Amino acid sequence: MHKWIMATLLGVAGLLAVYLLTFNLPEKEEHVAEEQFTVPDTPVDAATAEAFYKSNCMGCHGDQYQGAMGPALANIGSLRSKEEIYKTVLNGKGGGMPSFEDKITEDELINLTNWLAEMK
C-alpha cells in the first residue's frame, strides 16, 4: 500500500516539475557584464584625504584607523583592491556604511581611494 502511495506522489511531483519547467519559468535575462573600472594611479594629496577622513570617516573608523563602529582601516590596502575601496566609499555597505556618492567629487574619491590603498 505504501509503495503505491509513494509511487503516485513521485509521479505527481514529476508531472508538476515538467509543467513548471515548461510553462512557468521566467525568460532568461541577458546578463550585462559590468564595465571594468580601474582607479587611476594619481599622486595622493594626503592633506585633503586626511581632512575628508577626519570629517566623514573618523567617527566610525577611529582616529588611528583602528576601527570602532566600522572596521579598522590601518591595513585596508593589503586587504582590498583599490576598486573595492572605491566602490565601498561610493556606494556604502550594508550594516551602517553610508554612501558618499552625493557627498564627494570624483577627484576627491579617487584621491581618498589611493590614500587608503597605500595603508598596508
Protein backbone atom coordinates (compact mmCIF):
# COMPACT_ATOMS: atom_id res chain seq x y z
CA MET A 1 0.00 0.00 0.00
CA HIS A 2 2.77 2.43 0.94
CA LYS A 3 4.59 1.66 -2.29
CA TRP A 4 1.55 2.72 -4.35
CA ILE A 5 1.17 5.97 -2.40
CA MET A 6 4.86 6.80 -2.80
CA ALA A 7 4.80 5.94 -6.49
CA THR A 8 1.76 8.16 -7.01
CA LEU A 9 3.36 11.05 -5.11
CA LEU A 10 6.59 10.73 -7.12
CA GLY A 11 4.59 10.64 -10.36
CA VAL A 12 2.63 13.75 -9.43
CA ALA A 13 5.82 15.53 -8.37
CA GLY A 14 7.45 14.60 -11.68
CA LEU A 15 4.49 15.89 -13.68
CA LEU A 16 4.46 19.11 -11.64
CA ALA A 17 8.18 19.58 -12.28
CA VAL A 18 7.72 19.08 -16.03
CA TYR A 19 4.81 21.54 -16.04
CA LEU A 20 6.78 24.18 -14.12
CA LEU A 21 9.82 23.78 -16.32
CA THR A 22 7.71 24.05 -19.46
CA PHE A 23 5.31 26.87 -18.64
CA ASN A 24 6.26 28.89 -15.56
CA LEU A 25 9.96 29.63 -15.62
CA PRO A 26 10.76 33.27 -16.34
CA GLU A 27 12.65 34.00 -19.50
CA LYS A 28 16.38 34.27 -19.10
CA GLU A 29 17.64 37.81 -18.92
CA GLU A 30 20.85 38.57 -20.66
CA HIS A 31 23.49 39.37 -18.10
CA VAL A 32 25.18 42.60 -18.95
CA ALA A 33 28.76 42.48 -17.80
CA GLU A 34 29.73 45.34 -15.53
CA GLU A 35 32.20 47.72 -17.02
CA GLN A 36 35.60 47.15 -15.60
CA PHE A 37 36.65 50.30 -13.78
CA THR A 38 40.23 50.86 -12.78
CA VAL A 39 41.05 53.54 -10.25
CA PRO A 40 43.68 55.74 -11.88
CA ASP A 41 47.07 55.99 -10.21
CA THR A 42 47.26 59.64 -9.33
CA PRO A 43 49.54 61.44 -6.88
CA VAL A 44 47.92 61.41 -3.46
CA ASP A 45 47.11 64.69 -1.75
CA ALA A 46 47.41 63.32 1.77
CA ALA A 47 46.26 66.53 3.47
CA THR A 48 42.99 66.58 1.51
CA ALA A 49 42.39 62.86 2.07
CA GLU A 50 43.09 63.16 5.81
CA ALA A 51 40.77 66.17 6.09
CA PHE A 52 37.96 64.23 4.39
CA TYR A 53 38.67 61.23 6.62
CA LYS A 54 38.59 63.33 9.79
CA SER A 55 35.31 64.98 8.91
CA ASN A 56 33.49 61.94 7.48
CA CYS A 57 35.12 58.66 8.49
CA MET A 58 36.93 59.03 11.80
CA GLY A 59 33.78 58.67 13.92
CA CYS A 60 33.33 55.07 12.76
CA HIS A 61 36.86 54.00 11.79
CA GLY A 62 38.81 55.66 14.61
CA ASP A 63 41.41 58.41 14.87
CA GLN A 64 44.24 55.89 14.35
CA TYR A 65 42.34 53.87 11.70
CA GLN A 66 41.93 51.17 14.36
CA GLY A 67 38.21 50.73 13.85
CA ALA A 68 35.36 51.45 16.20
CA MET A 69 31.83 51.03 14.89
CA GLY A 70 33.34 50.40 11.45
CA PRO A 71 36.22 48.07 10.58
CA ALA A 72 39.85 49.01 11.04
CA LEU A 73 41.43 50.67 8.03
CA ALA A 74 45.06 50.57 9.20
CA ASN A 75 45.93 47.90 6.60
CA ILE A 76 42.96 48.18 4.23
CA GLY A 77 45.29 48.47 1.22
CA SER A 78 46.54 44.93 1.76
CA LEU A 79 43.02 43.56 2.30
CA ARG A 80 41.09 45.21 -0.54
CA SER A 81 41.84 46.33 -4.08
CA LYS A 82 41.58 50.00 -4.98
CA GLU A 83 38.46 49.23 -6.96
CA GLU A 84 36.81 47.56 -3.95
CA ILE A 85 37.69 50.53 -1.74
CA TYR A 86 36.34 52.94 -4.37
CA LYS A 87 33.03 51.07 -4.70
CA THR A 88 32.60 50.79 -0.93
CA VAL A 89 33.11 54.52 -0.37
CA LEU A 90 30.93 55.43 -3.34
CA ASN A 91 28.03 53.02 -2.71
CA GLY A 92 28.31 52.32 1.01
CA LYS A 93 27.89 48.91 2.50
CA GLY A 94 25.17 47.23 4.50
CA GLY A 95 25.49 47.37 8.25
CA GLY A 96 25.98 51.10 8.59
CA MET A 97 28.50 52.27 5.98
CA PRO A 98 26.76 55.17 4.22
CA SER A 99 27.09 56.01 0.55
CA PHE A 100 29.19 59.07 -0.23
CA GLU A 101 28.02 59.26 -3.84
CA ASP A 102 26.47 62.71 -3.42
CA LYS A 103 28.99 63.93 -0.83
CA ILE A 104 32.29 63.58 -2.66
CA THR A 105 33.57 64.57 -6.08
CA GLU A 106 35.16 62.04 -8.42
CA ASP A 107 38.62 63.56 -7.89
CA GLU A 108 38.20 63.52 -4.10
CA LEU A 109 37.02 59.91 -4.25
CA ILE A 110 40.00 58.83 -6.34
CA ASN A 111 42.37 60.70 -4.02
CA LEU A 112 40.80 59.13 -0.92
CA THR A 113 40.85 55.69 -2.55
CA ASN A 114 44.54 55.93 -3.45
CA TRP A 115 45.34 57.24 0.03
CA LEU A 116 43.50 54.34 1.71
CA ALA A 117 45.06 51.84 -0.70
CA GLU A 118 48.52 52.93 0.50
CA MET A 119 47.67 51.73 4.01
CA LYS A 120 49.30 48.34 4.12
